[in-house]
Amino acid sequence: MYPLLRPLLFRLDPERAHTLTLHVLRFTGQFPPLRLVVSKYFEPDPKPVTAFGLTFRNPVGLAAGYDKDGQAVQGLAALGFGHLELGTVTPRPQPGNPKPRVFRLPEDRALINRMGFPGRGASFLHKQLSSLRLQPLLLGINLGKNKDTPNEEAARDYLTLFEQFAPLADYLAINVSSPNTAGLRRLQARDALEDLLGQLAAARTSQSQISNPTNQQTNQSQISNQQSPISPPLLVKLSPDLSDDELDDALEAITRTGMDGVIATNTTLRREGLRSPRASETGGLSGAPLAAHSTGIICKIHQRTGGRLPIVGVGGILTPGDARARLDAGATLVQVYTGLIYEGPGLVKRIVSSL
């Protein structure tokens, strides 16, 4: 059915089409009979995989950016994902960058976005998630700083978000790699990253030492399988545009501060080999042109860490073969986003069934 719908969706402005699909998914999630029908059609057979202390019902997740405010979680859960990563969420609401800010590159099976973390803020997402019970689906939350927060004070934003969402998330992703918030990627430098992650690690240790954890609100994975600690795993999302030396520095900071995994990769500023007339638009490029480079970054991370650091592979996954390439390179989990736009929601089941 999706090949018939895609030309209609592609006639719409990309951001408007995205908003429309979110509304449809939100509507689906609000009606259990409809949600059940959708789930029966899209749900793949379970293929459990374990990463950073959690068991996922399958290795395919939804990448951050698709549902920034957690408005369609129930509907998305019916599409067969093993996990959903919501956000990027910022402490305070912000409009993001001026429109237009999303561009399709159909000749390249790609997107360029310069969204800039638009969203309703932490309080809104917290309210959306507080009543959810989605076992056995796991939830990650992608954390970012507000645009007007200087890098010198960025830790404050991330710590605020950690305190709000640690009780609700199965894992938290620290986003220091979006190219669409000015200066954010400088937080990937070793000293800046080690300082930020060290403060988050200290906050996690402090939370874990709370004397009476039974009074705390349990997170999603505790509801589903009772295997995660009170404080959720912390993952760091990295850029594909890091040099080898920069990647080594980031990995050193990540391992020295005891982070639990890496998400590789975010969107790229590279534009090599593109055919679309939209290629000159500023912003982060995602989709097929990112595939080989993202796989190469995963391979480097796996080799440099001796396979000891779990990797979530994301970037340019549009086919089951793309997903297999990430897993073969060393990833334990994969995530899709642009692939859904070009291939439709059936992509999840096709990937899982092929593994």
Protein backbone atom coordinates (compact mmCIF):
# COMPACT_ATOMS: atom_id res chain seq x y z
CA MET A 1 0.00 0.00 0.00
CA TYR A 2 2.79 2.44 0.83
CA PRO A 3 4.09 2.66 -2.78
CA LEU A 4 0.65 4.05 -3.64
CA LEU A 5 0.62 6.53 -0.76
CA ARG A 6 4.17 7.80 -1.10
CA PRO A 7 3.59 9.91 -4.25
CA LEU A 8 0.71 11.65 -2.48
CA LEU A 9 2.80 12.31 0.64
CA PHE A 10 5.69 13.54 -1.50
CA ARG A 11 3.43 16.21 -3.00
CA LEU A 12 3.24 17.79 0.44
CA ASP A 13 5.91 19.88 2.09
CA PRO A 14 8.14 17.35 3.94
CA GLU A 15 7.48 18.78 7.39
CA ARG A 16 3.73 18.96 6.75
CA ALA A 17 3.74 15.35 5.55
CA HIS A 18 5.59 14.33 8.68
CA THR A 19 3.07 16.13 10.89
CA LEU A 20 0.24 14.38 9.05
CA THR A 21 1.74 10.93 9.61
CA LEU A 22 2.23 11.70 13.30
CA HIS A 23 -1.45 12.67 13.58
CA VAL A 24 -2.46 9.39 11.91
CA LEU A 25 -0.23 7.41 14.27
CA ARG A 26 -1.54 9.32 17.27
CA PHE A 27 -5.13 8.58 16.21
CA THR A 28 -4.25 4.91 15.72
CA GLY A 29 -2.74 4.71 19.17
CA GLN A 30 -5.81 6.17 20.85
CA PHE A 31 -8.11 3.36 19.69
CA PRO A 32 -7.14 -0.11 20.93
CA PRO A 33 -9.07 -2.06 18.24
CA LEU A 34 -7.37 -0.10 15.46
CA ARG A 35 -4.04 -0.41 17.20
CA LEU A 36 -4.49 -4.18 17.43
CA VAL A 37 -5.24 -4.46 13.71
CA VAL A 38 -2.16 -2.43 12.81
CA SER A 39 -0.03 -4.44 15.21
CA LYS A 40 -1.16 -7.76 13.73
CA TYR A 41 -0.18 -6.56 10.27
CA PHE A 42 3.21 -5.03 11.11
CA GLU A 43 4.42 -6.96 14.16
CA PRO A 44 7.33 -9.31 13.29
CA ASP A 45 8.11 -12.51 15.13
CA PRO A 46 10.20 -11.80 18.24
CA LYS A 47 13.95 -11.91 17.81
CA PRO A 48 15.26 -10.84 21.23
CA VAL A 49 18.63 -9.18 21.62
CA THR A 50 20.40 -7.96 24.75
CA ALA A 51 22.33 -4.70 24.97
CA PHE A 52 23.55 -2.59 27.92
CA GLY A 53 21.62 -4.75 30.36
CA LEU A 54 18.26 -4.58 28.57
CA THR A 55 16.49 -7.19 26.47
CA PHE A 56 14.88 -5.82 23.31
CA ARG A 57 12.16 -7.84 21.56
CA ASN A 58 13.97 -7.24 18.27
CA PRO A 59 17.01 -5.19 17.23
CA VAL A 60 15.19 -2.56 15.12
CA GLY A 61 14.31 0.76 16.72
CA LEU A 62 12.99 4.16 15.72
CA ALA A 63 15.66 6.85 15.63
CA ALA A 64 15.32 10.13 17.51
CA GLY A 65 13.70 13.00 15.67
CA TYR A 66 10.60 11.24 14.42
CA ASP A 67 8.46 11.84 17.51
CA LYS A 68 10.11 14.67 19.40
CA ASP A 69 7.28 15.27 21.86
CA GLY A 70 6.03 11.72 22.46
CA GLN A 71 2.66 12.37 20.85
CA ALA A 72 2.32 9.12 18.86
CA VAL A 73 4.05 6.55 21.05
CA GLN A 74 1.14 4.10 21.18
CA GLY A 75 0.69 4.18 17.42
CA LEU A 76 4.41 3.83 16.75
CA ALA A 77 4.52 0.91 19.16
CA ALA A 78 2.11 -0.97 16.88
CA LEU A 79 4.57 -0.87 13.95
CA GLY A 80 6.79 -3.63 15.28
CA PHE A 81 9.76 -1.72 16.68
CA GLY A 82 11.91 -3.21 19.40
CA HIS A 83 12.41 0.23 20.88
CA LEU A 84 11.52 3.87 20.29
CA GLU A 85 13.90 6.75 20.85
CA LEU A 86 11.95 9.94 21.50
CA GLY A 87 13.19 13.52 21.30
CA THR A 88 15.50 15.29 20.97
CA VAL A 89 13.98 16.97 24.03
CA THR A 90 15.29 20.22 25.49
CA PRO A 91 14.61 21.61 28.98
CA ARG A 92 12.53 24.51 27.68
CA PRO A 93 10.24 24.71 24.64
CA GLN A 94 11.81 26.21 21.55
CA PRO A 95 10.63 26.77 17.96
CA GLY A 96 13.71 25.46 16.20
CA ASN A 97 15.14 27.00 13.06
CA PRO A 98 13.07 28.98 10.52
CA LYS A 99 11.03 27.08 7.92
CA PRO A 100 11.48 25.58 5.40
CA ARG A 101 13.92 23.29 7.19
CA VAL A 102 13.35 19.79 5.78
CA PHE A 103 14.12 18.83 2.17
CA ARG A 104 13.67 15.57 0.29
CA LEU A 105 16.37 14.40 -2.10
CA PRO A 106 14.53 11.59 -3.91
CA GLU A 107 17.27 11.20 -6.52
CA ASP A 108 19.58 10.23 -3.65
CA ARG A 109 16.99 8.60 -1.36
CA ALA A 110 17.96 11.10 1.28
CA LEU A 111 16.81 14.02 3.41
CA ILE A 112 18.41 17.24 4.57
CA ASN A 113 17.07 18.78 7.76
CA ARG A 114 18.03 21.82 9.77
CA MET A 115 15.30 21.52 12.38
CA GLY A 116 17.30 22.75 15.37
CA PHE A 117 15.56 20.78 18.15
CA PRO A 118 12.04 22.23 17.89
CA GLY A 119 9.73 20.92 20.57
CA ARG A 120 7.40 21.60 23.44
CA GLY A 121 10.05 20.99 26.05
CA ALA A 122 10.70 18.60 28.88
CA SER A 123 7.56 19.21 30.90
CA PHE A 124 5.31 18.35 27.95
CA LEU A 125 7.17 15.13 27.10
CA HIS A 126 7.27 14.13 30.77
CA LYS A 127 3.50 14.49 30.98
CA GLN A 128 3.04 12.46 27.79
CA LEU A 129 5.11 9.57 29.12
CA SER A 130 4.11 9.47 32.77
CA SER A 131 1.05 7.26 32.18
CA LEU A 132 2.46 5.00 29.44
CA ARG A 133 2.83 1.27 29.89
CA LEU A 134 4.31 -0.31 26.78
CA GLN A 135 5.86 -3.60 27.85
CA PRO A 136 7.80 -5.21 26.29
CA LEU A 137 8.65 -2.21 24.08
CA LEU A 138 11.56 -0.18 25.43
CA LEU A 139 11.82 3.61 25.37
CA GLY A 140 14.91 5.73 24.94
CA ILE A 141 14.90 9.49 25.30
CA ASN A 142 17.34 11.67 23.39
CA LEU A 143 18.55 14.69 25.37
CA GLY A 144 19.82 18.01 24.00
CA LYS A 145 20.53 21.51 25.21
CA ASN A 146 18.50 24.59 24.40
CA LYS A 147 19.83 26.75 21.58
CA ASP A 148 20.40 29.75 23.87
CA THR A 149 22.29 27.76 26.50
CA PRO A 150 26.02 28.40 26.04
CA ASN A 151 28.28 25.36 25.84
CA GLU A 152 29.90 26.36 29.11
CA GLU A 153 26.53 25.81 30.80
CA ALA A 154 25.37 22.85 28.70
CA ALA A 155 25.84 20.36 31.54
CA ARG A 156 23.07 22.14 33.42
CA ASP A 157 20.58 21.36 30.65
CA TYR A 158 21.61 17.72 30.38
CA LEU A 159 21.54 17.23 34.15
CA THR A 160 18.07 18.78 34.35
CA LEU A 161 16.84 16.38 31.68
CA PHE A 162 18.55 13.43 33.35
CA GLU A 163 16.73 14.12 36.60
CA GLN A 164 13.38 14.42 34.82
CA PHE A 165 13.60 11.40 32.53
CA ALA A 166 15.75 8.84 34.34
CA PRO A 167 12.66 7.49 36.14
CA LEU A 168 10.74 7.15 32.86
CA ALA A 169 13.28 5.94 30.31
CA ASP A 170 14.85 2.57 29.62
CA TYR A 171 17.93 4.42 28.37
CA LEU A 172 18.99 8.01 27.82
CA ALA A 173 20.90 9.24 24.76
CA ILE A 174 23.20 12.25 25.11
CA ASN A 175 23.02 14.19 21.85
CA VAL A 176 26.15 16.26 21.31
CA SER A 177 26.33 15.69 17.56
CA SER A 178 23.45 17.45 15.81
CA PRO A 179 24.80 19.84 13.17
CA ASN A 180 21.74 22.09 13.47
CA THR A 181 22.39 23.72 16.86
CA ALA A 182 25.28 26.15 16.63
CA GLY A 183 28.33 24.99 18.57
CA LEU A 184 26.79 21.77 19.83
CA ARG A 185 29.30 19.52 18.09
CA ARG A 186 32.14 21.19 20.00
CA LEU A 187 30.91 19.25 23.02
CA GLN A 188 32.35 16.12 21.36
CA ALA A 189 35.90 17.37 22.02
CA ARG A 190 37.59 15.21 24.63
CA ASP A 191 37.83 17.67 27.53
CA ALA A 192 34.33 19.10 27.01
CA LEU A 193 32.80 15.66 26.54
CA GLU A 194 34.59 14.15 29.52
CA ASP A 195 33.43 17.02 31.73
CA LEU A 196 29.82 16.68 30.59
CA LEU A 197 29.70 12.90 30.82
CA GLY A 198 31.53 12.93 34.14
CA GLN A 199 28.82 15.12 35.64
CA LEU A 200 26.11 12.83 34.28
CA ALA A 201 27.93 9.77 35.61
CA ALA A 202 28.12 11.40 39.04
CA ALA A 203 24.41 12.19 38.92
CA ARG A 204 23.67 8.59 38.03
CA THR A 205 25.82 7.30 40.90
CA SER A 206 24.06 9.63 43.30
CA GLN A 207 20.66 8.44 42.11
CA SER A 208 21.67 4.79 42.43
CA GLN A 209 22.63 5.34 46.04
CA ILE A 210 19.17 6.49 47.09
CA SER A 211 18.48 4.48 50.20
CA ASN A 212 14.86 3.49 49.52
CA PRO A 213 14.43 2.78 45.77
CA THR A 214 11.03 1.18 46.27
CA ASN A 215 9.54 4.63 46.59
CA GLN A 216 10.75 5.65 43.16
CA GLN A 217 8.66 5.47 40.03
CA THR A 218 9.82 2.52 37.97
CA ASN A 219 10.95 2.92 34.39
CA GLN A 220 9.54 1.08 31.39
CA SER A 221 12.01 -1.80 31.42
CA GLN A 222 11.43 -2.44 35.12
CA ILE A 223 7.74 -2.79 34.30
CA SER A 224 8.43 -5.19 31.44
CA ASN A 225 11.26 -7.41 32.63
CA GLN A 226 12.63 -6.18 35.95
CA GLN A 227 16.24 -6.31 34.79
CA SER A 228 17.48 -2.72 34.58
CA PRO A 229 18.97 -0.64 37.41
CA ILE A 230 17.14 2.31 38.88
CA SER A 231 19.27 4.63 36.77
CA PRO A 232 18.98 3.85 33.05
CA PRO A 233 21.94 3.24 30.75
CA LEU A 234 23.55 6.33 29.24
CA LEU A 235 24.47 6.32 25.54
CA VAL A 236 26.29 9.00 23.56
CA LYS A 237 25.24 9.88 20.00
CA LEU A 238 28.23 10.75 17.82
CA SER A 239 28.71 12.56 14.53
CA PRO A 240 29.84 10.77 11.37
CA ASP A 241 32.06 13.76 10.59
CA LEU A 242 34.65 13.16 13.32
CA SER A 243 38.22 12.61 12.21
CA ASP A 244 39.98 9.47 13.44
CA ASP A 245 41.73 11.47 16.16
CA GLU A 246 38.49 13.15 17.21
CA LEU A 247 36.75 9.78 17.33
CA ASP A 248 39.53 8.37 19.51
CA ASP A 249 39.23 11.34 21.87
CA ALA A 250 35.45 10.95 22.12
CA LEU A 251 35.69 7.22 22.75
CA GLU A 252 38.29 7.81 25.45
CA ALA A 253 35.94 10.24 27.21
CA ILE A 254 33.03 7.83 26.83
CA THR A 255 34.90 4.85 28.26
CA ARG A 256 36.63 6.78 31.04
CA THR A 257 33.30 8.10 32.34
CA GLY A 258 31.63 4.69 32.23
CA MET A 259 29.02 5.34 29.57
CA ASP A 260 27.05 2.29 28.49
CA GLY A 261 27.06 2.59 24.70
CA VAL A 262 27.33 4.67 21.55
CA ILE A 263 24.78 5.62 18.90
CA ALA A 264 26.50 5.90 15.53
CA THR A 265 25.75 8.09 13.77
CA ASN A 266 23.91 11.39 13.57
CA THR A 267 23.40 13.21 10.26
CA THR A 268 26.35 14.46 8.19
CA LEU A 269 27.42 17.75 6.67
CA ARG A 270 29.11 15.92 3.78
CA ARG A 271 27.64 16.26 0.31
CA GLU A 272 29.82 14.01 -1.85
CA GLY A 273 28.20 12.37 -4.86
CA LEU A 274 24.71 13.82 -4.52
CA ARG A 275 22.57 14.26 -7.63
CA SER A 276 19.62 16.21 -6.23
CA PRO A 277 19.31 19.96 -6.90
CA ARG A 278 18.56 20.26 -3.16
CA ALA A 279 22.07 19.09 -2.27
CA SER A 280 23.21 22.65 -1.53
CA GLU A 281 20.70 23.12 1.30
CA THR A 282 22.34 23.54 4.69
CA GLY A 283 21.67 21.03 7.46
CA GLY A 284 22.25 17.41 8.28
CA LEU A 285 22.07 14.84 5.50
CA SER A 286 20.48 11.44 6.21
CA GLY A 287 19.52 8.46 4.11
CA ALA A 288 21.31 6.31 1.55
CA PRO A 289 24.36 8.58 0.99
CA LEU A 290 25.26 8.18 4.68
CA ALA A 291 25.16 4.38 4.67
CA ALA A 292 28.74 3.43 3.85
CA HIS A 293 30.29 6.16 6.00
CA SER A 294 28.12 5.34 9.01
CA THR A 295 28.99 1.66 8.68
CA GLY A 296 32.67 2.59 8.59
CA ILE A 297 32.33 4.59 11.82
CA ILE A 298 30.62 1.63 13.50
CA CYS A 299 33.46 -0.64 12.41
CA LYS A 300 36.06 1.77 13.82
CA ILE A 301 34.24 2.06 17.16
CA HIS A 302 33.94 -1.72 17.40
CA GLN A 303 37.64 -2.21 16.65
CA ARG A 304 38.88 0.59 18.91
CA THR A 305 36.85 -0.63 21.89
CA GLY A 306 37.46 -4.33 21.30
CA GLY A 307 33.74 -4.92 20.97
CA ARG A 308 33.20 -4.05 24.63
CA LEU A 309 31.04 -0.97 24.00
CA PRO A 310 27.55 -1.69 22.63
CA ILE A 311 26.76 0.23 19.46
CA VAL A 312 23.39 1.33 18.07
CA GLY A 313 23.77 1.68 14.30
CA VAL A 314 21.77 4.41 12.58
CA GLY A 315 22.14 6.33 9.34
CA GLY A 316 21.19 5.23 5.85
CA ILE A 317 19.28 2.05 6.71
CA LEU A 318 16.74 1.65 3.89
CA THR A 319 16.88 -2.11 3.30
CA PRO A 320 17.37 -5.32 5.28
CA GLY A 321 20.85 -5.50 3.73
CA ASP A 322 21.70 -2.08 5.16
CA ALA A 323 20.71 -3.28 8.63
CA ARG A 324 22.73 -6.48 8.26
CA ALA A 325 25.79 -4.43 7.24
CA ARG A 326 25.57 -2.45 10.52
CA LEU A 327 25.22 -5.61 12.60
CA ASP A 328 28.12 -7.26 10.78
CA ALA A 329 30.23 -4.16 11.42
CA GLY A 330 29.69 -4.47 15.17
CA ALA A 331 26.34 -2.90 16.02
CA THR A 332 24.01 -4.71 18.41
CA LEU A 333 20.91 -2.65 17.57
CA VAL A 334 19.88 -0.54 14.58
CA GLN A 335 17.52 2.39 14.14
CA VAL A 336 15.60 3.71 11.14
CA TYR A 337 14.07 7.07 10.23
CA THR A 338 14.69 8.22 6.65
CA GLY A 339 14.14 4.62 5.53
CA LEU A 340 10.55 4.85 6.79
CA ILE A 341 9.94 7.86 4.56
CA TYR A 342 11.17 6.11 1.44
CA GLU A 343 10.16 2.51 2.21
CA GLY A 344 7.19 2.84 4.57
CA PRO A 345 6.43 1.25 7.95
CA GLY A 346 6.71 -2.28 6.56
CA LEU A 347 10.48 -1.79 6.58
CA VAL A 348 10.68 -2.78 10.24
CA LYS A 349 9.10 -6.19 9.70
CA ARG A 350 11.17 -6.81 6.58
CA ILE A 351 14.39 -6.12 8.44
CA VAL A 352 13.52 -8.23 11.48
CA SER A 353 12.26 -11.12 9.34
CA SER A 354 15.51 -11.12 7.38
CA LEU A 355 17.75 -11.50 10.41
